[in-house]
Amino acid sequence: MKVGDIETLCELLKSVDIDVNAADNKGTPLTIACGEGSEAIVRILLRHPSISPHETDHDHSPPLDHVGETGIILAKLLLEHPRFVVTTDLFCL
């Protein structure tokens, strides 16, 4: 991710009309950032007051499902978010 991309994202997130949880055919901003392993973008998105760490993409997968094998830092960021609630449906029992 280039510095200009991060600056553009920060400017977009300041918009009153932005739906930071909106999904398109690729996913939500957070699921996409997690899938791409972009720690900087995940951190920025998680600071937005309207972000939902549970918002699912078009396949009904939450951001945590998109964290790859090397995404321990991203998983930790999601799990530590104040609005993240651990439920039994996160686990295969």
Foldseek 3Di string as FASTA:
>chain_A
DDPVVLVVVLVVLPDPPDDQLDEDQVFGQLLVCQLVLPPSSNVVSLPRPNDDQCRTYPVNDGSLVNHDPPRPVSNVSSCPRPNDDDDPVVDDD
